[in-house]
Amino acid sequence: MADYFVHESSYIDEPCSIGEGTKIWHFSHIMKNSHIGNNCNIGQNVVISPDVTLGNNVKIQNNVSVYTGVTCEDDVFLGPSMVFTNVINPRSHINRKEEYMKTTVKKGASIGANATIVCGYDIGCYAFIGAGAVVTKDVPDYALMVGNPARQKGWVCQCGEKLPITYTPKTLLQESEKSDIQCAVCQSTYIVKESTI
């Protein structure tokens, strides 16, 4: 008997691996060679394409397609109807399966409802992509991104709260025992560093 739950309306192709405690809800399709970690929650009408990797404790809300080329690390949240792409210049009459680009959503990142992640970029650890944002470049760790195209408007804590600091270009945020900035909710502390990019 499987140590994960799959609703009877969903399809699981073989081979694939699904971790302990994972739940796959109504009308979803898990395609071959995908790897899903422990304690994931995959909502209604979700497609996980071939060769996708999801870490542990990934939460995917309804109506999300996770395409080949996408990797989600542990503790990632994908909001309702958010969109990944995997080809920069798709055409119906041209097969570009050999051109799929890689997108990595790093540990703890959250992507809001109806956001679009253009392929080929990395979403940093604990970054927060606002609802409806369109990401067209790499996103730093802890960055708060909003708009179309998405622009950084601040920093967020690991707990998801906006941090009390004004964003300036050419800076990075790093968790630290030394306290330049402290989260008002969970009291985690961070320092701001100059970017080398």
Protein backbone atom coordinates (compact mmCIF):
# COMPACT_ATOMS: atom_id res chain seq x y z
CA MET A 1 0.00 0.00 0.00
CA ALA A 2 1.29 3.48 -0.94
CA ASP A 3 2.38 5.79 1.86
CA TYR A 4 0.94 8.81 0.00
CA PHE A 5 -2.61 9.79 -1.02
CA VAL A 6 -3.88 10.09 -4.61
CA HIS A 7 -7.48 11.05 -5.34
CA GLU A 8 -9.23 8.52 -7.59
CA SER A 9 -9.73 11.14 -10.34
CA SER A 10 -5.98 11.74 -10.75
CA TYR A 11 -3.45 9.93 -12.95
CA ILE A 12 0.04 8.80 -11.96
CA ASP A 13 2.30 7.68 -14.84
CA GLU A 14 5.11 5.21 -14.29
CA PRO A 15 7.86 5.39 -13.45
CA CYS A 16 7.87 8.26 -10.96
CA SER A 17 8.65 8.63 -7.28
CA ILE A 18 6.29 10.13 -4.72
CA GLY A 19 7.36 10.69 -1.12
CA GLU A 20 5.72 9.68 2.11
CA GLY A 21 2.82 11.81 3.32
CA THR A 22 2.27 13.56 -0.04
CA LYS A 23 -1.32 14.29 -1.08
CA ILE A 24 -2.43 14.59 -4.72
CA TRP A 25 -5.95 15.96 -5.13
CA HIS A 26 -8.68 15.94 -7.81
CA PHE A 27 -8.03 15.82 -11.59
CA SER A 28 -4.23 16.08 -11.37
CA HIS A 29 -1.67 14.32 -13.58
CA ILE A 30 1.81 13.26 -12.45
CA MET A 31 3.86 12.37 -15.52
CA LYS A 32 6.70 9.87 -15.90
CA ASN A 33 10.14 10.33 -14.35
CA SER A 34 8.96 13.08 -12.01
CA HIS A 35 10.28 13.10 -8.44
CA ILE A 36 8.04 14.39 -5.67
CA GLY A 37 9.35 14.68 -2.11
CA ASN A 38 7.75 13.96 1.24
CA ASN A 39 4.72 15.80 2.65
CA CYS A 40 3.89 17.70 -0.53
CA ASN A 41 0.35 18.93 -1.18
CA ILE A 42 -0.63 19.01 -4.85
CA GLY A 43 -3.96 20.72 -5.43
CA GLN A 44 -6.75 20.24 -7.93
CA ASN A 45 -6.06 20.27 -11.68
CA VAL A 46 -2.25 20.29 -11.37
CA VAL A 47 0.09 18.84 -14.01
CA ILE A 48 3.62 17.74 -13.10
CA SER A 49 5.46 17.20 -16.39
CA PRO A 50 8.15 14.57 -17.06
CA ASP A 51 11.48 14.91 -15.24
CA VAL A 52 10.26 17.63 -12.84
CA THR A 53 11.71 17.53 -9.31
CA LEU A 54 9.83 18.77 -6.25
CA GLY A 55 11.53 18.81 -2.85
CA ASN A 56 9.89 18.10 0.50
CA ASN A 57 6.89 20.07 1.80
CA VAL A 58 6.12 21.75 -1.53
CA LYS A 59 2.60 23.22 -1.68
CA ILE A 60 1.01 23.60 -5.12
CA GLN A 61 -2.38 25.28 -5.29
CA ASN A 62 -5.07 24.61 -7.91
CA ASN A 63 -4.57 24.98 -11.69
CA VAL A 64 -0.75 24.99 -11.85
CA SER A 65 1.35 23.27 -14.53
CA VAL A 66 4.94 22.54 -13.53
CA TYR A 67 6.74 22.00 -16.84
CA THR A 68 9.83 19.99 -17.73
CA GLY A 69 12.90 22.02 -16.76
CA VAL A 70 11.46 23.28 -13.46
CA THR A 71 12.92 22.29 -10.09
CA CYS A 72 11.29 23.34 -6.81
CA GLU A 73 13.41 22.90 -3.71
CA ASP A 74 12.05 22.19 -0.19
CA ASP A 75 9.24 24.32 1.29
CA VAL A 76 8.28 26.08 -1.94
CA PHE A 77 4.75 27.52 -2.27
CA LEU A 78 3.13 27.86 -5.72
CA GLY A 79 -0.04 29.96 -5.63
CA PRO A 80 -3.27 29.31 -7.54
CA SER A 81 -3.03 29.50 -11.34
CA MET A 82 0.58 30.72 -11.37
CA VAL A 83 2.44 29.92 -14.61
CA PHE A 84 5.84 28.53 -15.55
CA THR A 85 7.16 28.61 -19.11
CA ASN A 86 9.95 26.42 -20.49
CA VAL A 87 10.59 27.76 -24.00
CA ILE A 88 11.47 31.38 -24.83
CA ASN A 89 10.10 31.46 -28.39
CA PRO A 90 7.38 28.80 -28.78
CA ARG A 91 5.78 28.06 -32.13
CA SER A 92 3.07 25.49 -32.71
CA HIS A 93 4.71 24.21 -35.92
CA ILE A 94 8.27 23.92 -34.48
CA ASN A 95 9.29 21.23 -31.98
CA ARG A 96 11.57 22.84 -29.39
CA LYS A 97 11.71 20.05 -26.79
CA GLU A 98 15.52 20.13 -27.00
CA GLU A 99 15.45 23.82 -26.05
CA TYR A 100 13.64 23.58 -22.72
CA MET A 101 15.25 26.02 -20.30
CA LYS A 102 15.83 25.36 -16.61
CA THR A 103 14.08 27.27 -13.84
CA THR A 104 14.91 26.70 -10.17
CA VAL A 105 12.68 27.86 -7.33
CA LYS A 106 14.92 27.74 -4.29
CA LYS A 107 14.15 26.69 -0.73
CA GLY A 108 11.27 28.46 0.98
CA ALA A 109 10.30 30.73 -1.93
CA SER A 110 6.65 31.69 -2.48
CA ILE A 111 5.04 32.53 -5.82
CA GLY A 112 1.69 34.34 -5.66
CA ALA A 113 -1.54 33.65 -7.51
CA ASN A 114 -1.49 34.28 -11.27
CA ALA A 115 2.22 35.16 -11.33
CA THR A 116 4.23 34.18 -14.42
CA ILE A 117 7.80 32.90 -14.24
CA VAL A 118 9.57 33.24 -17.60
CA CYS A 119 11.92 30.27 -18.05
CA GLY A 120 15.68 30.28 -17.55
CA TYR A 121 15.82 32.16 -14.26
CA ASP A 122 16.32 31.28 -10.59
CA ILE A 123 13.99 32.37 -7.79
CA GLY A 124 16.12 32.88 -4.66
CA CYS A 125 15.67 31.29 -1.24
CA TYR A 126 12.67 32.68 0.66
CA ALA A 127 11.93 35.16 -2.13
CA PHE A 128 8.32 36.32 -2.38
CA ILE A 129 6.77 36.86 -5.82
CA GLY A 130 3.59 38.96 -5.53
CA ALA A 131 0.28 37.99 -7.12
CA GLY A 132 0.22 38.69 -10.85
CA ALA A 133 3.93 39.53 -11.11
CA VAL A 134 5.83 38.61 -14.29
CA VAL A 135 9.39 37.50 -13.50
CA THR A 136 11.86 38.13 -16.34
CA LYS A 137 15.20 37.89 -14.50
CA ASP A 138 16.92 36.12 -11.59
CA VAL A 139 15.46 36.95 -8.18
CA PRO A 140 17.76 37.38 -5.14
CA ASP A 141 17.27 35.53 -1.86
CA TYR A 142 14.60 37.16 0.37
CA ALA A 143 13.52 39.60 -2.38
CA LEU A 144 9.95 40.92 -2.60
CA MET A 145 9.04 41.19 -6.29
CA VAL A 146 5.87 42.82 -7.69
CA GLY A 147 4.55 44.15 -10.99
CA ASN A 148 4.94 43.52 -14.72
CA PRO A 149 7.80 43.19 -15.32
CA ALA A 150 8.52 42.26 -11.71
CA ARG A 151 10.70 44.70 -9.81
CA GLN A 152 12.13 44.39 -6.33
CA LYS A 153 10.21 46.49 -3.79
CA GLY A 154 11.70 45.23 -0.55
CA TRP A 155 12.88 42.26 1.48
CA VAL A 156 10.96 39.52 3.27
CA CYS A 157 11.81 37.35 6.28
CA GLN A 158 11.83 33.56 6.17
CA CYS A 159 8.47 33.74 7.95
CA GLY A 160 7.02 35.76 5.05
CA GLU A 161 6.75 39.17 6.73
CA LYS A 162 8.08 42.27 4.98
CA LEU A 163 11.23 43.51 6.68
CA PRO A 164 11.54 47.12 7.91
CA ILE A 165 14.18 48.28 5.44
CA THR A 166 14.06 50.20 2.19
CA TYR A 167 15.38 48.30 -0.81
CA THR A 168 18.27 49.83 -2.73
CA PRO A 169 19.88 48.36 -5.85
CA LYS A 170 23.22 46.57 -5.53
CA THR A 171 22.42 45.15 -2.09
CA LEU A 172 21.79 41.63 -0.85
CA LEU A 173 20.22 40.36 2.35
CA GLN A 174 21.72 37.60 4.46
CA GLU A 175 20.52 35.92 7.63
CA SER A 176 22.93 36.65 10.47
CA GLU A 177 23.28 36.62 14.23
CA LYS A 178 24.51 40.20 13.93
CA SER A 179 21.41 42.36 13.71
CA ASP A 180 21.13 45.19 11.20
CA ILE A 181 17.47 44.30 10.64
CA GLN A 182 15.07 42.32 12.80
CA CYS A 183 11.73 40.82 11.82
CA ALA A 184 8.97 42.28 13.99
CA VAL A 185 7.07 38.97 13.95
CA CYS A 186 9.60 36.15 14.47
CA GLN A 187 12.66 38.22 15.55
CA SER A 188 14.97 36.66 12.94
CA THR A 189 17.90 38.94 12.18
CA TYR A 190 19.57 39.91 8.90
CA ILE A 191 22.39 42.04 7.55
CA VAL A 192 22.57 43.96 4.28
CA LYS A 193 25.61 43.40 2.10
CA GLU A 194 26.84 45.02 -1.09
CA SER A 195 26.27 42.88 -4.17
CA THR A 196 29.27 41.81 -6.21
CA ILE A 197 27.13 41.65 -9.38
